[in-house]
Protein backbone atom coordinates (compact mmCIF):
# COMPACT_ATOMS: atom_id res chain seq x y z
CA MET A 1 25.21 -11.55 0.20
CA ALA A 2 22.20 -9.57 2.05
CA ASN A 3 20.21 -6.66 0.14
CA ASP A 4 19.32 -3.52 1.74
CA TYR A 5 16.67 -5.24 3.76
CA GLY A 6 19.07 -7.87 5.23
CA VAL A 7 17.40 -10.80 3.67
CA GLN A 8 19.07 -13.21 1.67
CA ALA A 9 17.04 -15.27 -0.98
CA ILE A 10 17.74 -18.85 -1.03
CA VAL A 11 14.78 -19.81 -3.00
CA ALA A 12 14.78 -21.28 -6.60
CA VAL A 13 12.16 -21.12 -9.00
CA LYS A 14 11.54 -24.30 -11.11
CA VAL A 15 8.89 -25.62 -13.72
CA ALA A 16 7.20 -28.59 -12.38
CA ASP A 17 8.76 -30.94 -14.88
CA GLY A 18 12.22 -29.90 -12.96
CA THR A 19 13.77 -27.39 -15.44
CA ASP A 20 14.58 -23.91 -14.35
CA VAL A 21 12.89 -21.14 -15.56
CA ALA A 22 15.41 -19.75 -18.03
CA THR A 23 15.43 -22.88 -20.08
CA ALA A 24 11.63 -23.95 -19.29
CA GLY A 25 9.22 -23.51 -22.46
CA SER A 26 6.34 -23.62 -20.20
CA GLY A 27 4.34 -25.38 -17.22
CA ALA A 28 3.02 -24.79 -13.80
CA VAL A 29 5.96 -23.08 -11.67
CA LEU A 30 6.73 -23.76 -8.12
CA PHE A 31 9.21 -22.99 -5.68
CA CYS A 32 12.26 -25.25 -4.27
CA ASP A 33 14.00 -24.48 -0.80
CA SER A 34 17.62 -24.74 -0.91
CA ASP A 35 17.90 -28.43 -1.07
CA ASP A 36 15.44 -28.14 -4.18
CA ARG A 37 12.55 -29.88 -2.41
CA PRO A 38 9.37 -28.23 -3.77
CA THR A 39 7.80 -25.85 -1.16
CA THR A 40 4.69 -23.77 -0.92
CA ALA A 41 6.26 -21.05 0.80
CA ILE A 42 9.01 -18.45 -0.14
CA ARG A 43 11.86 -18.96 2.40
CA ALA A 44 14.27 -16.31 2.88
CA LYS A 45 17.51 -15.98 5.32
CA THR A 46 17.79 -13.02 7.18
CA ALA A 47 21.19 -11.20 7.83
CA ASP A 48 21.76 -13.21 11.28
CA GLY A 49 21.27 -16.54 9.46
CA ALA A 50 17.52 -17.15 10.67
CA MET A 51 15.08 -18.69 8.27
CA ARG A 52 11.56 -17.20 8.00
CA ASP A 53 8.70 -17.54 5.60
CA VAL A 54 8.01 -14.57 3.24
CA ILE A 55 4.19 -14.22 3.65
CA GLN A 56 2.00 -13.09 0.73
CA GLN A 57 -1.53 -12.34 0.16
CA SER A 58 -3.49 -11.21 -2.84
CA GLY A 59 -6.76 -10.07 -4.29
CA ALA A 60 -8.46 -7.77 -6.41
CA ALA A 61 -10.78 -4.56 -5.58
CA THR A 62 -13.04 -2.19 -7.31
CA LEU A 63 -12.59 1.37 -6.73
CA VAL A 64 -15.61 3.46 -5.58
CA ALA A 65 -15.21 7.09 -6.14
CA GLY A 66 -11.54 6.76 -6.48
CA THR A 67 -10.86 4.49 -3.23
CA THR A 68 -11.84 1.31 -1.79
CA ALA A 69 -13.12 0.35 1.82
CA LEU A 70 -10.26 -1.25 4.12
CA LEU A 71 -9.10 -4.51 2.23
CA PRO A 72 -8.23 -6.97 5.05
CA ALA A 73 -4.85 -8.25 4.95
CA THR A 74 -1.82 -8.90 7.63
CA VAL A 75 -0.05 -5.58 7.48
CA THR A 76 3.02 -4.99 9.21
CA ALA A 77 5.46 -1.76 9.50
CA SER A 78 7.79 -3.13 6.68
CA SER A 79 4.93 -4.41 4.33
CA ARG A 80 5.54 -3.80 0.30
CA ILE A 81 2.14 -3.62 -1.01
CA LEU A 82 2.37 -3.71 -4.98
CA LEU A 83 -0.67 -2.85 -7.66
CA SER A 84 -1.45 -3.29 -10.97
CA LEU A 85 -4.18 -2.03 -13.13
CA LYS A 86 -6.68 -4.94 -13.93
CA THR A 87 -9.60 -3.31 -15.51
CA PRO A 88 -9.35 0.25 -16.24
CA ASP A 89 -11.72 3.04 -16.15
CA THR A 90 -10.76 4.81 -19.27
CA LYS A 91 -12.88 7.92 -18.54
CA THR A 92 -10.51 9.14 -15.89
CA ASP A 93 -7.29 11.17 -15.40
CA THR A 94 -5.60 8.91 -13.01
CA THR A 95 -1.87 9.26 -12.94
CA GLU A 96 -1.27 6.72 -9.84
CA TYR A 97 -2.75 4.39 -7.68
CA ALA A 98 -1.41 4.12 -3.99
CA ALA A 99 -1.60 2.02 -0.84
CA LEU A 100 -0.89 5.25 1.35
CA GLY A 101 1.02 5.13 4.30
CA THR A 102 -1.99 6.92 6.01
CA ASP A 103 -4.44 4.25 4.72
CA ARG A 104 -2.47 1.28 6.42
CA VAL A 105 -3.68 -0.34 9.58
CA VAL A 106 -0.68 -2.40 10.90
CA GLY A 107 -2.40 -5.76 12.24
CA ILE A 108 -3.79 -9.19 11.54
CA GLY A 109 -6.15 -9.45 8.30
CA GLY A 110 -9.70 -10.08 9.59
CA ALA A 111 -8.66 -8.61 12.80
CA GLY A 112 -8.44 -4.87 11.97
CA GLY A 113 -5.16 -4.99 9.75
CA GLY A 114 -5.48 -3.96 6.30
CA PHE A 115 -5.08 -0.96 3.53
CA LYS A 116 -6.87 0.94 1.32
CA ILE A 117 -6.10 1.82 -2.38
CA THR A 118 -6.37 5.17 -3.92
CA ALA A 119 -6.59 6.59 -7.59
CA LEU A 120 -4.49 9.91 -7.38
CA VAL A 121 -4.37 12.38 -10.13
CA ALA A 122 -1.61 14.41 -10.94
CA ALA A 123 -2.05 17.06 -8.35
CA GLY A 124 -2.06 14.58 -5.51
CA THR A 125 -5.71 14.47 -4.93
CA ILE A 126 -8.32 11.81 -5.07
CA ASN A 127 -9.91 11.03 -8.60
CA VAL A 128 -13.35 10.54 -7.37
CA ALA A 129 -14.59 9.68 -10.92
CA ASP A 130 -11.98 6.32 -11.25
CA VAL A 131 -14.21 3.01 -10.75
CA SER A 132 -11.42 0.79 -12.00
CA VAL A 133 -10.35 -3.00 -10.71
CA ILE A 134 -6.89 -3.13 -9.33
CA ASP A 135 -5.09 -6.13 -8.37
CA TRP A 136 -2.91 -6.13 -5.24
CA VAL A 137 -0.28 -8.19 -3.64
CA VAL A 138 1.11 -7.77 -0.05
CA PHE A 139 4.57 -9.20 0.74
CA ASN A 140 5.64 -9.42 4.60
């Protein structure tokens, strides 16, 4: 059954010894394709039955005056950018970290594509005092 994005996931996550994550105690996690073959790429089946790779990029960035420079990444119109606070700057009142639509440049990373991360306060303005470190992941 396809989700709202028209993609059917057919990837299973297994621990390196072959057990599934639900019964695994610990160990390295790897992705397996629909035939239980290990793979480094996450594959998805679109609503029309075509297979495609789900590209994942990640990194960490330090805010300077509440924002970052453009972070090179491959960004499409449908990219999903996830942010996580890695090293907080506890002296600030940031309520949210965002990769705003106006700060996204569609294109290939290293050739102009990328995004900025911004620290926002409750009023929706930039918290220029924030110098936190933010982890990020882009899914295409």
